[in-house]
C-alpha cells in the first residue's frame, strides 16, 4: 500500500502504468484499491488496463465496479464507449456502476458550473 500511494503521488505516466500492473495482483482487495487510485489519478494511460479488468467476467464484481467508476472519472469518449458497452452487464454491481460512471463522465466533461444563490 505504501508503494501504491507513493506511485499515486508521483502521478507520472510511468507511475500510472506501474499501478496498472497491480490490477493483476492476487488480492481482490488490492485490485479494488488500485482501481480506486487509478480513478483518483484520471490518467488516460490507465484506460486499457481498466477496460481489461472491467471486461473480465471472472473478475470480482467490486473490482470491476471500481474500474468502471475510474473510467467514468477519466471521462474520455473512449471511456464513455467502454462504459456504454457494459451498462447491461449481468452482474448488478457492474451494471449499476457503469450507469453511475456514465453520469460521472458527463459531469466531468461538462465545463459549465451551476451556482445556486441563497
Protein backbone atom coordinates (compact mmCIF):
# COMPACT_ATOMS: atom_id res chain seq x y z
CA UNK A 1 0.00 0.00 0.00
CA UNK A 2 2.87 2.36 0.76
CA UNK A 3 4.23 1.84 -2.77
CA UNK A 4 0.74 2.29 -4.24
CA UNK A 5 0.32 5.67 -2.57
CA UNK A 6 3.85 6.74 -3.47
CA UNK A 7 3.09 5.97 -7.14
CA UNK A 8 -0.22 7.81 -6.88
CA UNK A 9 1.55 10.85 -5.50
CA UNK A 10 4.14 10.70 -8.28
CA UNK A 11 1.32 10.67 -10.88
CA UNK A 12 3.55 10.28 -13.94
CA UNK A 13 2.58 8.06 -16.85
CA UNK A 14 5.25 5.59 -15.74
CA UNK A 15 3.77 5.54 -12.23
CA UNK A 16 0.27 5.04 -13.63
CA UNK A 17 1.42 2.10 -15.75
CA UNK A 18 3.12 0.57 -12.71
CA UNK A 19 -0.14 0.93 -10.79
CA UNK A 20 -1.98 -0.77 -13.67
CA UNK A 21 0.22 -3.83 -13.10
CA UNK A 22 -1.43 -4.03 -9.67
CA UNK A 23 -4.70 -4.98 -11.35
CA UNK A 24 -3.19 -8.45 -11.80
CA UNK A 25 -2.31 -8.88 -8.11
CA UNK A 26 -3.65 -12.00 -6.38
CA UNK A 27 -5.60 -9.94 -3.81
CA UNK A 28 -9.04 -8.76 -4.91
CA UNK A 29 -8.97 -6.14 -2.16
CA UNK A 30 -5.71 -4.74 -3.53
CA UNK A 31 -7.02 -4.79 -7.12
CA UNK A 32 -10.07 -2.88 -5.87
CA UNK A 33 -7.82 -0.27 -4.23
CA UNK A 34 -5.74 0.04 -7.40
CA UNK A 35 -8.93 0.74 -9.36
CA UNK A 36 -9.84 3.42 -6.83
CA UNK A 37 -6.42 5.08 -7.05
CA UNK A 38 -6.49 4.99 -10.85
CA UNK A 39 -9.82 6.80 -10.67
CA UNK A 40 -8.25 9.46 -8.47
CA UNK A 41 -5.44 9.97 -10.97
CA UNK A 42 -7.74 10.21 -14.01
CA UNK A 43 -4.82 9.41 -16.33
CA UNK A 44 -5.66 8.19 -19.85
CA UNK A 45 -2.73 5.74 -19.77
CA UNK A 46 -4.78 3.57 -17.39
CA UNK A 47 -7.71 3.13 -19.80
CA UNK A 48 -6.54 -0.16 -21.41
CA UNK A 49 -5.89 -1.82 -18.03
CA UNK A 50 -9.18 -0.57 -16.60
CA UNK A 51 -11.02 -1.85 -19.66
CA UNK A 52 -9.38 -5.29 -19.34
CA UNK A 53 -10.41 -5.55 -15.70
CA UNK A 54 -13.95 -4.34 -16.39
CA UNK A 55 -14.41 -6.76 -19.27
CA UNK A 56 -13.11 -9.76 -17.30
CA UNK A 57 -16.25 -11.72 -16.40
CA UNK A 58 -14.19 -13.79 -13.92
CA UNK A 59 -13.05 -10.70 -12.00
CA UNK A 60 -14.65 -9.93 -8.64
CA UNK A 61 -17.62 -7.60 -9.05
CA UNK A 62 -16.26 -4.95 -6.68
CA UNK A 63 -13.02 -4.73 -8.67
CA UNK A 64 -14.99 -4.33 -11.89
CA UNK A 65 -17.17 -1.73 -10.15
CA UNK A 66 -14.13 0.34 -9.15
CA UNK A 67 -12.68 0.13 -12.66
CA UNK A 68 -15.99 1.34 -14.11
CA UNK A 69 -16.01 4.31 -11.77
CA UNK A 70 -12.38 5.08 -12.64
CA UNK A 71 -13.28 5.11 -16.33
CA UNK A 72 -16.16 7.47 -15.54
CA UNK A 73 -13.82 9.87 -13.79
CA UNK A 74 -11.40 9.86 -16.75
CA UNK A 75 -14.39 10.63 -18.96
CA UNK A 76 -12.83 10.49 -22.42
CA UNK A 77 -15.02 9.48 -25.35
CA UNK A 78 -13.24 6.10 -25.32
CA UNK A 79 -14.17 5.63 -21.65
CA UNK A 80 -17.79 6.51 -22.33
CA UNK A 81 -17.93 3.92 -25.14
CA UNK A 82 -16.45 1.25 -22.86
CA UNK A 83 -18.95 2.04 -20.10
CA UNK A 84 -21.84 2.01 -22.55
CA UNK A 85 -20.79 -1.48 -23.63
CA UNK A 86 -21.00 -2.80 -20.05
CA UNK A 87 -24.03 -0.89 -18.74
CA UNK A 88 -26.14 -4.01 -19.42
CA UNK A 89 -23.70 -6.38 -17.69
CA UNK A 90 -25.38 -9.36 -15.98
CA UNK A 91 -23.60 -8.51 -12.69
CA UNK A 92 -25.80 -5.92 -10.92
CA UNK A 93 -22.95 -4.06 -9.19
CA UNK A 94 -21.11 -3.74 -12.51
CA UNK A 95 -24.21 -2.71 -14.45
CA UNK A 96 -25.18 -0.08 -11.87
CA UNK A 97 -21.61 1.18 -11.59
CA UNK A 98 -21.43 1.68 -15.35
CA UNK A 99 -24.65 3.68 -15.29
CA UNK A 100 -23.33 5.85 -12.44
CA UNK A 101 -19.94 6.17 -14.16
CA UNK A 102 -21.61 7.35 -17.37
CA UNK A 103 -23.31 10.07 -15.33
CA UNK A 104 -19.99 10.91 -13.66
CA UNK A 105 -18.37 11.12 -17.08
CA UNK A 106 -20.99 13.55 -18.30
CA UNK A 107 -20.41 15.66 -15.20
CA UNK A 108 -16.61 15.58 -15.70
CA UNK A 109 -16.97 16.63 -19.34
CA UNK A 110 -19.38 19.46 -18.54
CA UNK A 111 -17.43 22.68 -18.19
CA UNK A 112 -20.43 24.71 -17.06
CA UNK A 113 -20.97 25.20 -13.38
CA UNK A 114 -24.37 25.90 -11.96
CA UNK A 115 -24.34 28.12 -8.91
CA UNK A 116 -27.31 28.35 -6.61
CA UNK A 117 -27.77 31.68 -4.91
CA UNK A 118 -29.05 31.53 -1.39
